[in-house]
Amino acid sequence: KEYLAKKQFAEARLEFRSALKIDKKLGEAQFGLGEASLALGYVQEAAEAYYEAMRIDGNNLEARVRVGSLLVQYETEEGVKEAERLSGEVALKNPDHVENRVLIADVRAAQKRWSEAEAEFQKAVSLDPNRMETHLHLANYYERRAKNDQPQAQAFHSKAEEVFRQLIERNPKSVNARLAFGDFLFSTKCEA
């Protein structure tokens, strides 16, 4: 855990793997392995560790949200259905779980159920208005809308830009927000 807190992900991954060689039923170590692996880009290993953490601890909501978030990114029919199932389980246990509200929104967007997705994003923002990741997902949502609705593309680009600008105004030192905004500006300029 200490290595995770210090963002020393390679060391954390080694430590969690060592602990799991001794006892594979350590749910916290499985989850930690998932976190470290994901940070290092080992997506398959992360997903397997999160699934194992869920199997060990049926109340591990964070693992469900992480797996669902990984699955919905690929937008396969099977992956989106599984992400929806996992997000439903979390919602039953904790309807105000912010990350899960974002996951539900991402699932609805993948299903092209746009108004439901936007409503879920608004719920997530209302639960924690300062959570940067929610705003990044919301901006990404508007970008997806722009790509799927060419006649309204400019309006959605404008909404995404507004989200980014507000986010940077509230978090002026955030490198992630600035990089995401830069990527957005570059991609919209290239599309024009």
C-alpha atoms as a PDB file:
ATOM      1  CA  LYS A   1       0.000   0.000   0.000  1.00  0.00           C
ATOM      2  CA  GLU A   2       2.831   2.347   0.840  1.00  0.00           C
ATOM      3  CA  TYR A   3       4.287   1.998  -2.648  1.00  0.00           C
ATOM      4  CA  LEU A   4       0.875   2.745  -4.189  1.00  0.00           C
ATOM      5  CA  ALA A   5       0.535   5.881  -2.084  1.00  0.00           C
ATOM      6  CA  LYS A   6       3.957   7.029  -3.295  1.00  0.00           C
ATOM      7  CA  LYS A   7       3.037   6.143  -6.896  1.00  0.00           C
ATOM      8  CA  GLN A   8       5.863   3.613  -7.035  1.00  0.00           C
ATOM      9  CA  PHE A   9       3.761   1.250  -9.082  1.00  0.00           C
ATOM     10  CA  ALA A  10       6.447  -1.194 -10.220  1.00  0.00           C
ATOM     11  CA  GLU A  11       7.544  -1.766  -6.623  1.00  0.00           C
ATOM     12  CA  ALA A  12       3.925  -2.042  -5.474  1.00  0.00           C
ATOM     13  CA  ARG A  13       3.194  -4.613  -8.174  1.00  0.00           C
ATOM     14  CA  LEU A  14       6.167  -6.733  -7.080  1.00  0.00           C
ATOM     15  CA  GLU A  15       5.170  -6.537  -3.407  1.00  0.00           C
ATOM     16  CA  PHE A  16       1.542  -7.467  -4.080  1.00  0.00           C
ATOM     17  CA  ARG A  17       2.597 -10.360  -6.315  1.00  0.00           C
ATOM     18  CA  SER A  18       4.951 -11.598  -3.587  1.00  0.00           C
ATOM     19  CA  ALA A  19       2.189 -11.424  -0.977  1.00  0.00           C
ATOM     20  CA  LEU A  20      -0.186 -13.298  -3.281  1.00  0.00           C
ATOM     21  CA  LYS A  21       2.347 -16.092  -3.792  1.00  0.00           C
ATOM     22  CA  ILE A  22       2.034 -16.704  -0.059  1.00  0.00           C
ATOM     23  CA  ASP A  23      -1.760 -16.360   0.094  1.00  0.00           C
ATOM     24  CA  LYS A  24      -3.897 -15.851  -3.046  1.00  0.00           C
ATOM     25  CA  LYS A  25      -6.946 -15.092  -0.905  1.00  0.00           C
ATOM     26  CA  LEU A  26      -5.761 -11.677   0.222  1.00  0.00           C
ATOM     27  CA  GLY A  27      -8.468  -9.498  -1.306  1.00  0.00           C
ATOM     28  CA  GLU A  28      -6.682  -6.270  -0.454  1.00  0.00           C
ATOM     29  CA  ALA A  29      -3.510  -7.513  -2.141  1.00  0.00           C
ATOM     30  CA  GLN A  30      -5.486  -8.554  -5.224  1.00  0.00           C
ATOM     31  CA  PHE A  31      -7.036  -5.096  -5.426  1.00  0.00           C
ATOM     32  CA  GLY A  32      -3.639  -3.452  -4.886  1.00  0.00           C
ATOM     33  CA  LEU A  33      -2.156  -5.601  -7.646  1.00  0.00           C
ATOM     34  CA  GLY A  34      -4.974  -4.416  -9.890  1.00  0.00           C
ATOM     35  CA  GLU A  35      -4.251  -0.775  -9.082  1.00  0.00           C
ATOM     36  CA  ALA A  36      -0.497  -1.104  -9.625  1.00  0.00           C
ATOM     37  CA  SER A  37      -0.908  -3.160 -12.803  1.00  0.00           C
ATOM     38  CA  LEU A  38      -3.397  -0.715 -14.259  1.00  0.00           C
ATOM     39  CA  ALA A  39      -1.113   2.238 -13.538  1.00  0.00           C
ATOM     40  CA  LEU A  40       1.677   0.414 -15.390  1.00  0.00           C
ATOM     41  CA  GLY A  41      -0.531  -0.455 -18.351  1.00  0.00           C
ATOM     42  CA  TYR A  42      -0.931  -4.162 -17.621  1.00  0.00           C
ATOM     43  CA  VAL A  43      -4.655  -4.037 -18.284  1.00  0.00           C
ATOM     44  CA  GLN A  44      -5.277  -7.791 -18.480  1.00  0.00           C
ATOM     45  CA  GLU A  45      -3.436  -8.435 -15.219  1.00  0.00           C
ATOM     46  CA  ALA A  46      -5.329  -5.563 -13.584  1.00  0.00           C
ATOM     47  CA  ALA A  47      -8.710  -6.920 -14.699  1.00  0.00           C
ATOM     48  CA  GLU A  48      -7.853 -10.415 -13.465  1.00  0.00           C
ATOM     49  CA  ALA A  49      -6.731  -9.052 -10.097  1.00  0.00           C
ATOM     50  CA  TYR A  50      -9.892  -6.961  -9.734  1.00  0.00           C
ATOM     51  CA  TYR A  51     -12.084  -9.959 -10.592  1.00  0.00           C
ATOM     52  CA  GLU A  52     -10.219 -12.029  -8.011  1.00  0.00           C
ATOM     53  CA  ALA A  53     -10.660  -9.246  -5.434  1.00  0.00           C
ATOM     54  CA  MET A  54     -14.420  -9.303  -6.158  1.00  0.00           C
ATOM     55  CA  ARG A  55     -14.519 -13.088  -5.808  1.00  0.00           C
ATOM     56  CA  ILE A  56     -12.754 -12.931  -2.443  1.00  0.00           C
ATOM     57  CA  ASP A  57     -14.741  -9.980  -1.119  1.00  0.00           C
ATOM     58  CA  GLY A  58     -18.262  -9.732  -2.489  1.00  0.00           C
ATOM     59  CA  ASN A  59     -18.570  -6.231  -1.029  1.00  0.00           C
ATOM     60  CA  ASN A  60     -15.597  -4.784  -2.906  1.00  0.00           C
ATOM     61  CA  LEU A  61     -17.415  -2.106  -4.862  1.00  0.00           C
ATOM     62  CA  GLU A  62     -14.229  -0.400  -6.029  1.00  0.00           C
ATOM     63  CA  ALA A  63     -13.084  -3.534  -7.868  1.00  0.00           C
ATOM     64  CA  ARG A  64     -16.444  -3.744  -9.653  1.00  0.00           C
ATOM     65  CA  VAL A  65     -16.196  -0.122 -10.764  1.00  0.00           C
ATOM     66  CA  ARG A  66     -12.601  -0.576 -11.963  1.00  0.00           C
ATOM     67  CA  VAL A  67     -13.436  -3.665 -14.040  1.00  0.00           C
ATOM     68  CA  GLY A  68     -16.546  -2.009 -15.447  1.00  0.00           C
ATOM     69  CA  SER A  69     -14.542   1.070 -16.386  1.00  0.00           C
ATOM     70  CA  LEU A  70     -11.991  -1.071 -18.205  1.00  0.00           C
ATOM     71  CA  LEU A  71     -14.663  -3.024 -20.066  1.00  0.00           C
ATOM     72  CA  VAL A  72     -16.730  -0.057 -21.205  1.00  0.00           C
ATOM     73  CA  GLN A  73     -13.696   1.608 -22.803  1.00  0.00           C
ATOM     74  CA  TYR A  74     -13.567  -1.048 -25.519  1.00  0.00           C
ATOM     75  CA  GLU A  75     -17.268  -0.687 -26.319  1.00  0.00           C
ATOM     76  CA  THR A  76     -17.795  -4.322 -27.254  1.00  0.00           C
ATOM     77  CA  GLU A  77     -21.365  -5.502 -26.772  1.00  0.00           C
ATOM     78  CA  GLU A  78     -20.292  -8.160 -24.276  1.00  0.00           C
ATOM     79  CA  GLY A  79     -18.016  -5.768 -22.375  1.00  0.00           C
ATOM     80  CA  VAL A  80     -20.685  -3.071 -22.138  1.00  0.00           C
ATOM     81  CA  LYS A  81     -23.217  -5.615 -20.846  1.00  0.00           C
ATOM     82  CA  GLU A  82     -20.785  -6.813 -18.185  1.00  0.00           C
ATOM     83  CA  ALA A  83     -19.950  -3.219 -17.204  1.00  0.00           C
ATOM     84  CA  GLU A  84     -23.678  -2.521 -16.914  1.00  0.00           C
ATOM     85  CA  ARG A  85     -24.149  -5.601 -14.719  1.00  0.00           C
ATOM     86  CA  LEU A  86     -21.284  -4.595 -12.433  1.00  0.00           C
ATOM     87  CA  SER A  87     -22.459  -0.995 -12.170  1.00  0.00           C
ATOM     88  CA  GLY A  88     -25.946  -2.244 -11.303  1.00  0.00           C
ATOM     89  CA  GLU A  89     -24.537  -4.311  -8.436  1.00  0.00           C
ATOM     90  CA  VAL A  90     -22.686  -1.282  -7.086  1.00  0.00           C
ATOM     91  CA  ALA A  91     -25.741   0.967  -7.448  1.00  0.00           C
ATOM     92  CA  LEU A  92     -27.821  -1.469  -5.390  1.00  0.00           C
ATOM     93  CA  LYS A  93     -25.317  -1.338  -2.544  1.00  0.00           C
ATOM     94  CA  ASN A  94     -24.395   2.342  -2.795  1.00  0.00           C
ATOM     95  CA  PRO A  95     -26.506   4.524  -5.093  1.00  0.00           C
ATOM     96  CA  ASP A  96     -24.323   7.556  -4.316  1.00  0.00           C
ATOM     97  CA  HIS A  97     -21.015   5.988  -5.351  1.00  0.00           C
ATOM     98  CA  VAL A  98     -19.604   8.767  -7.537  1.00  0.00           C
ATOM     99  CA  GLU A  99     -17.244   6.643  -9.629  1.00  0.00           C
ATOM    100  CA  ASN A 100     -20.087   4.221 -10.284  1.00  0.00           C
ATOM    101  CA  ARG A 101     -22.345   7.065 -11.462  1.00  0.00           C
ATOM    102  CA  VAL A 102     -19.595   7.941 -13.952  1.00  0.00           C
ATOM    103  CA  LEU A 103     -19.396   4.287 -14.992  1.00  0.00           C
ATOM    104  CA  ILE A 104     -23.172   4.166 -15.518  1.00  0.00           C
ATOM    105  CA  ALA A 105     -22.903   7.334 -17.623  1.00  0.00           C
ATOM    106  CA  ASP A 106     -20.102   5.788 -19.694  1.00  0.00           C
ATOM    107  CA  VAL A 107     -22.201   2.636 -20.192  1.00  0.00           C
ATOM    108  CA  ARG A 108     -25.185   4.709 -21.350  1.00  0.00           C
ATOM    109  CA  ALA A 109     -22.928   6.654 -23.722  1.00  0.00           C
ATOM    110  CA  ALA A 110     -21.534   3.403 -25.154  1.00  0.00           C
ATOM    111  CA  GLN A 111     -25.144   2.325 -25.702  1.00  0.00           C
ATOM    112  CA  LYS A 112     -25.784   5.723 -27.341  1.00  0.00           C
ATOM    113  CA  ARG A 113     -28.454   6.472 -24.759  1.00  0.00           C
ATOM    114  CA  TRP A 114     -27.253  10.043 -24.688  1.00  0.00           C
ATOM    115  CA  SER A 115     -29.815  11.763 -22.467  1.00  0.00           C
ATOM    116  CA  GLU A 116     -29.496   9.047 -19.813  1.00  0.00           C
ATOM    117  CA  ALA A 117     -25.712   9.342 -19.945  1.00  0.00           C
ATOM    118  CA  GLU A 118     -25.839  13.098 -19.485  1.00  0.00           C
ATOM    119  CA  ALA A 119     -28.265  12.734 -16.552  1.00  0.00           C
ATOM    120  CA  GLU A 120     -25.883  10.277 -14.876  1.00  0.00           C
ATOM    121  CA  PHE A 121     -22.969  12.659 -15.357  1.00  0.00           C
ATOM    122  CA  GLN A 122     -25.003  15.420 -13.754  1.00  0.00           C
ATOM    123  CA  LYS A 123     -25.755  13.135 -10.765  1.00  0.00           C
ATOM    124  CA  ALA A 124     -22.055  12.356 -10.420  1.00  0.00           C
ATOM    125  CA  VAL A 125     -21.115  16.035 -10.565  1.00  0.00           C
ATOM    126  CA  SER A 126     -23.770  16.904  -7.977  1.00  0.00           C
ATOM    127  CA  LEU A 127     -22.418  14.224  -5.620  1.00  0.00           C
ATOM    128  CA  ASP A 128     -18.865  15.584  -5.827  1.00  0.00           C
ATOM    129  CA  PRO A 129     -18.539  18.817  -7.815  1.00  0.00           C
ATOM    130  CA  ASN A 130     -14.770  18.948  -7.243  1.00  0.00           C
ATOM    131  CA  ARG A 131     -13.912  15.484  -8.562  1.00  0.00           C
ATOM    132  CA  MET A 132     -11.718  16.193 -11.570  1.00  0.00           C
ATOM    133  CA  GLU A 133     -12.109  12.766 -13.193  1.00  0.00           C
ATOM    134  CA  THR A 134     -15.885  13.214 -13.440  1.00  0.00           C
ATOM    135  CA  HIS A 135     -15.430  16.439 -15.394  1.00  0.00           C
ATOM    136  CA  LEU A 136     -12.862  14.794 -17.687  1.00  0.00           C
ATOM    137  CA  HIS A 137     -15.343  12.011 -18.440  1.00  0.00           C
ATOM    138  CA  LEU A 138     -18.075  14.601 -19.046  1.00  0.00           C
ATOM    139  CA  ALA A 139     -15.883  16.458 -21.540  1.00  0.00           C
ATOM    140  CA  ASN A 140     -15.109  13.142 -23.254  1.00  0.00           C
ATOM    141  CA  TYR A 141     -18.853  12.442 -23.390  1.00  0.00           C
ATOM    142  CA  TYR A 142     -19.437  15.702 -25.271  1.00  0.00           C
ATOM    143  CA  GLU A 143     -16.672  14.771 -27.685  1.00  0.00           C
ATOM    144  CA  ARG A 144     -18.319  11.417 -28.343  1.00  0.00           C
ATOM    145  CA  ARG A 145     -21.602  13.200 -28.962  1.00  0.00           C
ATOM    146  CA  ALA A 146     -19.871  15.498 -31.436  1.00  0.00           C
ATOM    147  CA  LYS A 147     -18.531  12.524 -33.381  1.00  0.00           C
ATOM    148  CA  ASN A 148     -21.947  10.854 -33.421  1.00  0.00           C
ATOM    149  CA  ASP A 149     -23.999  13.921 -34.323  1.00  0.00           C
ATOM    150  CA  GLN A 150     -22.275  15.898 -37.056  1.00  0.00           C
ATOM    151  CA  PRO A 151     -25.003  18.550 -37.410  1.00  0.00           C
ATOM    152  CA  GLN A 152     -24.606  19.381 -33.700  1.00  0.00           C
ATOM    153  CA  ALA A 153     -20.855  18.712 -33.522  1.00  0.00           C
ATOM    154  CA  GLN A 154     -19.867  22.345 -32.987  1.00  0.00           C
ATOM    155  CA  ALA A 155     -22.321  22.736 -30.097  1.00  0.00           C
ATOM    156  CA  PHE A 156     -20.918  19.615 -28.405  1.00  0.00           C
ATOM    157  CA  HIS A 157     -17.322  20.741 -29.007  1.00  0.00           C
ATOM    158  CA  SER A 158     -18.236  24.018 -27.316  1.00  0.00           C
ATOM    159  CA  LYS A 159     -19.711  22.201 -24.322  1.00  0.00           C
ATOM    160  CA  ALA A 160     -16.585  20.057 -24.003  1.00  0.00           C
ATOM    161  CA  GLU A 161     -14.375  23.129 -24.205  1.00  0.00           C
ATOM    162  CA  GLU A 162     -16.452  24.853 -21.520  1.00  0.00           C
ATOM    163  CA  VAL A 163     -16.049  21.839 -19.207  1.00  0.00           C
ATOM    164  CA  PHE A 164     -12.276  21.869 -19.743  1.00  0.00           C
ATOM    165  CA  ARG A 165     -11.963  25.606 -19.153  1.00  0.00           C
ATOM    166  CA  GLN A 166     -13.995  25.441 -15.926  1.00  0.00           C
ATOM    167  CA  LEU A 167     -11.961  22.470 -14.762  1.00  0.00           C
ATOM    168  CA  ILE A 168      -8.660  24.260 -15.353  1.00  0.00           C
ATOM    169  CA  GLU A 169      -9.996  27.399 -13.686  1.00  0.00           C
ATOM    170  CA  ARG A 170     -10.786  25.352 -10.561  1.00  0.00           C
ATOM    171  CA  ASN A 171      -7.570  23.290 -10.792  1.00  0.00           C
ATOM    172  CA  PRO A 172      -4.965  25.587 -12.361  1.00  0.00           C
ATOM    173  CA  LYS A 173      -2.043  23.359 -11.358  1.00  0.00           C
ATOM    174  CA  SER A 174      -3.525  20.138 -12.710  1.00  0.00           C
ATOM    175  CA  VAL A 175      -1.248  18.711 -15.362  1.00  0.00           C
ATOM    176  CA  ASN A 176      -3.801  16.030 -16.286  1.00  0.00           C
ATOM    177  CA  ALA A 177      -6.539  18.572 -16.947  1.00  0.00           C
ATOM    178  CA  ARG A 178      -4.216  20.712 -19.067  1.00  0.00           C
ATOM    179  CA  LEU A 179      -2.953  17.716 -21.055  1.00  0.00           C
ATOM    180  CA  ALA A 180      -6.497  16.493 -21.682  1.00  0.00           C
ATOM    181  CA  PHE A 181      -7.521  19.978 -22.805  1.00  0.00           C
ATOM    182  CA  GLY A 182      -4.490  20.149 -25.094  1.00  0.00           C
ATOM    183  CA  ASP A 183      -5.404  16.790 -26.621  1.00  0.00           C
ATOM    184  CA  PHE A 184      -8.952  18.048 -27.112  1.00  0.00           C
ATOM    185  CA  LEU A 185      -7.808  21.252 -28.798  1.00  0.00           C
ATOM    186  CA  PHE A 186      -5.392  19.354 -31.039  1.00  0.00           C
ATOM    187  CA  SER A 187      -8.020  16.787 -32.078  1.00  0.00           C
ATOM    188  CA  THR A 188     -10.682  19.407 -32.808  1.00  0.00           C
ATOM    189  CA  LYS A 189      -8.193  21.478 -34.841  1.00  0.00           C
ATOM    190  CA  CYS A 190      -7.201  18.358 -36.827  1.00  0.00           C
ATOM    191  CA  GLU A 191     -10.863  17.532 -37.523  1.00  0.00           C
ATOM    192  CA  ALA A 192     -11.588  21.037 -38.819  1.00  0.00           C
END
